[in-house]
C-alpha atoms as a PDB file:
ATOM      1  CA  MET A   1      92.580  86.774 111.649  1.00  0.00           C
ATOM      2  CA  ASP A   2      89.598  86.709 109.255  1.00  0.00           C
ATOM      3  CA  HIS A   3      86.331  87.505 110.977  1.00  0.00           C
ATOM      4  CA  ALA A   4      84.317  87.726 107.724  1.00  0.00           C
ATOM      5  CA  GLU A   5      81.899  84.969 108.784  1.00  0.00           C
ATOM      6  CA  SER A   6      81.376  86.330 112.295  1.00  0.00           C
ATOM      7  CA  TRP A   7      79.938  89.785 111.579  1.00  0.00           C
ATOM      8  CA  HIS A   8      76.196  90.114 112.335  1.00  0.00           C
ATOM      9  CA  PRO A   9      73.658  92.901 111.790  1.00  0.00           C
ATOM     10  CA  ASP A  10      73.729  95.491 114.578  1.00  0.00           C
ATOM     11  CA  VAL A  11      70.805  97.144 116.367  1.00  0.00           C
ATOM     12  CA  LEU A  12      71.736 100.481 114.743  1.00  0.00           C
ATOM     13  CA  GLY A  13      70.263  99.261 111.455  1.00  0.00           C
ATOM     14  CA  GLU A  14      71.290  99.310 107.831  1.00  0.00           C
ATOM     15  CA  GLY A  15      75.012  99.439 107.230  1.00  0.00           C
ATOM     16  CA  PHE A  16      75.939  98.588 110.835  1.00  0.00           C
ATOM     17  CA  GLU A  17      77.399  95.225 111.828  1.00  0.00           C
ATOM     18  CA  GLN A  18      78.874  93.836 115.031  1.00  0.00           C
ATOM     19  CA  LEU A  19      81.556  91.309 115.873  1.00  0.00           C
ATOM     20  CA  THR A  20      81.963  89.674 119.289  1.00  0.00           C
ATOM     21  CA  LEU A  21      85.597  89.540 120.418  1.00  0.00           C
ATOM     22  CA  PRO A  22      86.305  86.875 123.082  1.00  0.00           C
ATOM     23  CA  LEU A  23      88.584  88.026 125.915  1.00  0.00           C
ATOM     24  CA  GLY A  24      88.561  85.071 128.306  1.00  0.00           C
ATOM     25  CA  THR A  25      86.915  85.075 131.727  1.00  0.00           C
ATOM     26  CA  ASP A  26      87.086  86.738 135.123  1.00  0.00           C
ATOM     27  CA  GLU A  27      85.352  86.102 138.450  1.00  0.00           C
ATOM     28  CA  GLU A  28      82.042  87.256 136.897  1.00  0.00           C
ATOM     29  CA  GLY A  29      82.227  84.955 133.861  1.00  0.00           C
ATOM     30  CA  GLU A  30      82.797  85.349 130.136  1.00  0.00           C
ATOM     31  CA  LEU A  31      84.503  88.537 128.955  1.00  0.00           C
ATOM     32  CA  VAL A  32      83.870  89.923 125.488  1.00  0.00           C
ATOM     33  CA  ALA A  33      84.245  93.197 123.684  1.00  0.00           C
ATOM     34  CA  THR A  34      82.011  94.088 120.755  1.00  0.00           C
ATOM     35  CA  LEU A  35      83.302  95.762 117.627  1.00  0.00           C
ATOM     36  CA  VAL A  36      80.763  97.702 115.569  1.00  0.00           C
ATOM     37  CA  ARG A  37      81.496  98.742 112.011  1.00  0.00           C
ATOM     38  CA  TYR A  38      79.687 100.954 109.577  1.00  0.00           C
ATOM     39  CA  ARG A  39      79.654  99.740 106.008  1.00  0.00           C
ATOM     40  CA  PRO A  40      77.519 101.908 103.784  1.00  0.00           C
ATOM     41  CA  LYS A  41      75.242 100.132 101.342  1.00  0.00           C
ATOM     42  CA  ALA A  42      77.189  98.929  98.286  1.00  0.00           C
ATOM     43  CA  ALA A  43      75.104 100.952  95.844  1.00  0.00           C
ATOM     44  CA  SER A  44      75.542 104.226  97.716  1.00  0.00           C
ATOM     45  CA  TRP A  45      78.154 106.920  97.242  1.00  0.00           C
ATOM     46  CA  PHE A  46      79.245 106.144 100.827  1.00  0.00           C
ATOM     47  CA  ALA A  47      80.416 102.755  99.545  1.00  0.00           C
ATOM     48  CA  ARG A  48      82.953 104.445  97.292  1.00  0.00           C
ATOM     49  CA  LEU A  49      84.187 106.362 100.321  1.00  0.00           C
ATOM     50  CA  TRP A  50      84.429 103.069 102.272  1.00  0.00           C
ATOM     51  CA  GLU A  51      86.907 101.997  99.627  1.00  0.00           C
ATOM     52  CA  GLY A  52      88.894 105.151 100.423  1.00  0.00           C
ATOM     53  CA  ASP A  53      88.805 106.888  97.063  1.00  0.00           C
ATOM     54  CA  ARG A  54      88.221 110.447  98.376  1.00  0.00           C
ATOM     55  CA  GLY A  55      87.504 112.570 101.422  1.00  0.00           C
ATOM     56  CA  ALA A  56      89.577 114.310 104.075  1.00  0.00           C
ATOM     57  CA  ALA A  57      90.066 111.055 106.028  1.00  0.00           C
ATOM     58  CA  SER A  58      90.478 108.907 102.931  1.00  0.00           C
ATOM     59  CA  GLY A  59      92.508 105.775 103.526  1.00  0.00           C
ATOM     60  CA  THR A  60      92.235 105.823 107.339  1.00  0.00           C
ATOM     61  CA  ASP A  61      90.660 103.576 109.954  1.00  0.00           C
ATOM     62  CA  VAL A  62      88.821 105.232 112.851  1.00  0.00           C
ATOM     63  CA  LEU A  63      88.252 103.412 116.155  1.00  0.00           C
ATOM     64  CA  TYR A  64      85.822 105.080 118.582  1.00  0.00           C
ATOM     65  CA  VAL A  65      85.768 104.185 122.308  1.00  0.00           C
ATOM     66  CA  HIS A  66      82.856 105.256 124.529  1.00  0.00           C
ATOM     67  CA  GLY A  67      82.896 106.744 128.022  1.00  0.00           C
ATOM     68  CA  TRP A  68      81.856 105.433 131.437  1.00  0.00           C
ATOM     69  CA  SER A  69      78.324 103.974 131.748  1.00  0.00           C
ATOM     70  CA  ASP A  70      78.062 104.297 127.979  1.00  0.00           C
ATOM     71  CA  TYR A  71      78.378 102.315 124.733  1.00  0.00           C
ATOM     72  CA  PHE A  72      78.316 103.109 121.002  1.00  0.00           C
ATOM     73  CA  PHE A  73      74.921 104.342 119.809  1.00  0.00           C
ATOM     74  CA  ASN A  74      75.823 107.329 117.602  1.00  0.00           C
ATOM     75  CA  PRO A  75      75.249 106.473 113.926  1.00  0.00           C
ATOM     76  CA  GLU A  76      75.833 110.112 112.970  1.00  0.00           C
ATOM     77  CA  ILE A  77      79.492 109.821 114.067  1.00  0.00           C
ATOM     78  CA  ALA A  78      79.938 106.756 111.885  1.00  0.00           C
ATOM     79  CA  ARG A  79      78.304 108.460 108.916  1.00  0.00           C
ATOM     80  CA  PHE A  80      80.464 111.566 109.386  1.00  0.00           C
ATOM     81  CA  TRP A  81      83.716 109.566 109.265  1.00  0.00           C
ATOM     82  CA  ALA A  82      82.495 107.419 106.366  1.00  0.00           C
ATOM     83  CA  GLY A  83      81.577 110.613 104.528  1.00  0.00           C
ATOM     84  CA  ALA A  84      85.153 111.818 105.062  1.00  0.00           C
ATOM     85  CA  GLY A  85      86.469 108.594 103.514  1.00  0.00           C
ATOM     86  CA  ALA A  86      87.412 106.618 106.646  1.00  0.00           C
ATOM     87  CA  ARG A  87      86.522 103.086 107.602  1.00  0.00           C
ATOM     88  CA  PHE A  88      84.653 103.543 110.879  1.00  0.00           C
ATOM     89  CA  TYR A  89      84.626 101.167 113.846  1.00  0.00           C
ATOM     90  CA  ALA A  90      83.412 101.555 117.435  1.00  0.00           C
ATOM     91  CA  LEU A  91      84.217  99.400 120.418  1.00  0.00           C
ATOM     92  CA  ASP A  92      81.889  98.458 123.251  1.00  0.00           C
ATOM     93  CA  LEU A  93      84.394  97.587 125.973  1.00  0.00           C
ATOM     94  CA  ARG A  94      83.927  94.575 128.258  1.00  0.00           C
ATOM     95  CA  LYS A  95      80.916  94.835 130.570  1.00  0.00           C
ATOM     96  CA  TYR A  96      79.380  97.728 128.608  1.00  0.00           C
ATOM     97  CA  GLY A  97      76.493  97.890 126.159  1.00  0.00           C
ATOM     98  CA  ARG A  98      76.568  94.977 123.713  1.00  0.00           C
ATOM     99  CA  SER A  99      79.387  93.376 125.715  1.00  0.00           C
ATOM    100  CA  LEU A 100      77.620  93.230 129.093  1.00  0.00           C
ATOM    101  CA  ARG A 101      76.722  89.662 130.073  1.00  0.00           C
ATOM    102  CA  PRO A 102      74.188  88.523 132.715  1.00  0.00           C
ATOM    103  CA  GLY A 103      75.605  88.624 136.234  1.00  0.00           C
ATOM    104  CA  GLN A 104      78.343  91.147 135.425  1.00  0.00           C
ATOM    105  CA  THR A 105      78.846  94.445 137.201  1.00  0.00           C
ATOM    106  CA  PRO A 106      78.446  97.071 134.458  1.00  0.00           C
ATOM    107  CA  GLY A 107      81.752  98.743 133.597  1.00  0.00           C
ATOM    108  CA  TYR A 108      83.718  97.075 136.388  1.00  0.00           C
ATOM    109  CA  VAL A 109      87.487  96.745 136.024  1.00  0.00           C
ATOM    110  CA  THR A 110      90.201  97.256 138.613  1.00  0.00           C
ATOM    111  CA  ASN A 111      92.768  98.675 136.182  1.00  0.00           C
ATOM    112  CA  LEU A 112      92.222 100.692 133.001  1.00  0.00           C
ATOM    113  CA  ALA A 113      95.110  98.753 131.421  1.00  0.00           C
ATOM    114  CA  ASP A 114      92.722  95.768 131.352  1.00  0.00           C
ATOM    115  CA  TYR A 115      91.093  97.488 128.367  1.00  0.00           C
ATOM    116  CA  ASP A 116      94.310  97.078 126.374  1.00  0.00           C
ATOM    117  CA  ALA A 117      93.133  93.536 125.564  1.00  0.00           C
ATOM    118  CA  ASP A 118      89.821  94.880 124.246  1.00  0.00           C
ATOM    119  CA  ILE A 119      91.585  97.491 122.111  1.00  0.00           C
ATOM    120  CA  GLU A 120      94.133  94.984 120.786  1.00  0.00           C
ATOM    121  CA  ALA A 121      91.375  92.514 119.854  1.00  0.00           C
ATOM    122  CA  ALA A 122      89.552  95.266 117.954  1.00  0.00           C
ATOM    123  CA  LEU A 123      92.715  96.413 116.198  1.00  0.00           C
ATOM    124  CA  ALA A 124      93.561  92.847 115.167  1.00  0.00           C
ATOM    125  CA  ALA A 125      90.041  92.430 113.724  1.00  0.00           C
ATOM    126  CA  ILE A 126      90.417  95.530 111.544  1.00  0.00           C
ATOM    127  CA  GLY A 127      93.960  94.782 110.384  1.00  0.00           C
ATOM    128  CA  GLN A 128      95.681  97.164 112.787  1.00  0.00           C
ATOM    129  CA  GLY A 129      97.159  94.584 115.165  1.00  0.00           C
ATOM    130  CA  ARG A 130     100.794  94.241 116.117  1.00  0.00           C
ATOM    131  CA  ALA A 131     101.212  91.411 113.606  1.00  0.00           C
ATOM    132  CA  ASP A 132      99.995  93.778 110.873  1.00  0.00           C
ATOM    133  CA  ALA A 133     102.748  96.294 111.658  1.00  0.00           C
ATOM    134  CA  ALA A 134     105.136  94.529 109.266  1.00  0.00           C
ATOM    135  CA  GLY A 135     103.034  95.877 106.406  1.00  0.00           C
ATOM    136  CA  ALA A 136     103.041  99.432 107.738  1.00  0.00           C
ATOM    137  CA  GLY A 137     104.683 102.199 105.814  1.00  0.00           C
ATOM    138  CA  ALA A 138     104.618 102.877 102.092  1.00  0.00           C
ATOM    139  CA  GLY A 139     101.477 101.187 100.815  1.00  0.00           C
ATOM    140  CA  GLY A 140     101.115  99.147 104.036  1.00  0.00           C
ATOM    141  CA  ARG A 141      98.785  99.487 107.008  1.00  0.00           C
ATOM    142  CA  ARG A 142      96.244 102.299 106.884  1.00  0.00           C
ATOM    143  CA  PRO A 143      96.702 105.259 109.263  1.00  0.00           C
ATOM    144  CA  LEU A 144      94.776 104.744 112.514  1.00  0.00           C
ATOM    145  CA  ILE A 145      92.729 107.510 114.132  1.00  0.00           C
ATOM    146  CA  LEU A 146      91.581 106.820 117.679  1.00  0.00           C
ATOM    147  CA  MET A 147      88.588 108.738 119.040  1.00  0.00           C
ATOM    148  CA  GLY A 148      87.595 108.613 122.699  1.00  0.00           C
ATOM    149  CA  HIS A 149      84.715 110.166 124.581  1.00  0.00           C
ATOM    150  CA  SER A 150      84.977 110.881 128.333  1.00  0.00           C
ATOM    151  CA  THR A 151      86.725 107.917 130.021  1.00  0.00           C
ATOM    152  CA  GLY A 152      87.221 106.467 126.533  1.00  0.00           C
ATOM    153  CA  GLY A 153      89.521 109.454 125.989  1.00  0.00           C
ATOM    154  CA  LEU A 154      91.415 108.584 129.172  1.00  0.00           C
ATOM    155  CA  THR A 155      91.591 104.894 128.236  1.00  0.00           C
ATOM    156  CA  LEU A 156      92.903 105.660 124.743  1.00  0.00           C
ATOM    157  CA  SER A 157      95.366 108.286 126.012  1.00  0.00           C
ATOM    158  CA  LEU A 158      96.862 105.731 128.398  1.00  0.00           C
ATOM    159  CA  TRP A 159      96.917 103.087 125.649  1.00  0.00           C
ATOM    160  CA  CYS A 160      98.781 105.503 123.341  1.00  0.00           C
ATOM    161  CA  VAL A 161     101.430 106.104 126.023  1.00  0.00           C
ATOM    162  CA  ARG A 162     101.934 102.330 126.312  1.00  0.00           C
ATOM    163  CA  ASN A 163     101.892 101.904 122.500  1.00  0.00           C
ATOM    164  CA  PRO A 164     103.781 104.848 120.994  1.00  0.00           C
ATOM    165  CA  GLY A 165     103.586 105.326 117.244  1.00  0.00           C
ATOM    166  CA  ARG A 166     100.686 102.946 116.611  1.00  0.00           C
ATOM    167  CA  ALA A 167      98.065 105.668 116.107  1.00  0.00           C
ATOM    168  CA  ALA A 168      98.390 108.500 113.611  1.00  0.00           C
ATOM    169  CA  ALA A 169      96.027 110.688 115.643  1.00  0.00           C
ATOM    170  CA  LEU A 170      94.073 110.750 118.888  1.00  0.00           C
ATOM    171  CA  VAL A 171      90.796 112.706 118.982  1.00  0.00           C
ATOM    172  CA  LEU A 172      89.453 113.445 122.468  1.00  0.00           C
ATOM    173  CA  ASN A 173      85.817 114.418 122.974  1.00  0.00           C
ATOM    174  CA  SER A 174      85.200 115.749 126.495  1.00  0.00           C
ATOM    175  CA  PRO A 175      87.954 113.543 127.901  1.00  0.00           C
ATOM    176  CA  TRP A 176      87.916 112.654 131.570  1.00  0.00           C
ATOM    177  CA  LEU A 177      91.579 113.228 132.337  1.00  0.00           C
ATOM    178  CA  GLU A 178      91.374 114.412 135.964  1.00  0.00           C
ATOM    179  CA  PHE A 179      89.095 114.874 138.940  1.00  0.00           C
ATOM    180  CA  GLN A 180      87.719 118.380 139.305  1.00  0.00           C
END
């Protein structure tokens, strides 16, 4: 699916864009997730890295998922991964941050597997969806690095168990994996 016409400037400023991903409705109304991408200015050296020509993460896609009562607001993380050669994306899950709609209970879901739809919509938008798997392998789909903070780490860990082999790596930052 080509979302080229649907990307809009993001509140994080220059180089950041957002894409609204429709997810249907629930008892509180419209559900959306919001994908944020960092695309360094075309004239900058970061732009060459966006094209994947060098860096430790060259040729990879990174998808960041936030924690509970959170959303993506860390431009330094995006710049770090872009500087390493990756294409960086972050996902505001349904009912969080950019995805929270009037009348919704912030962060409310009854099952963490509900977020699979948000993750799949984001992956499809960046060319990492199930339909893109046919191109995987030699010269095909780019390696995918998933990065989750707090409950985002839990959400992505569970997603990886349900989707083995789809991610090349899972980076967990202070993951919330158990009650203490």
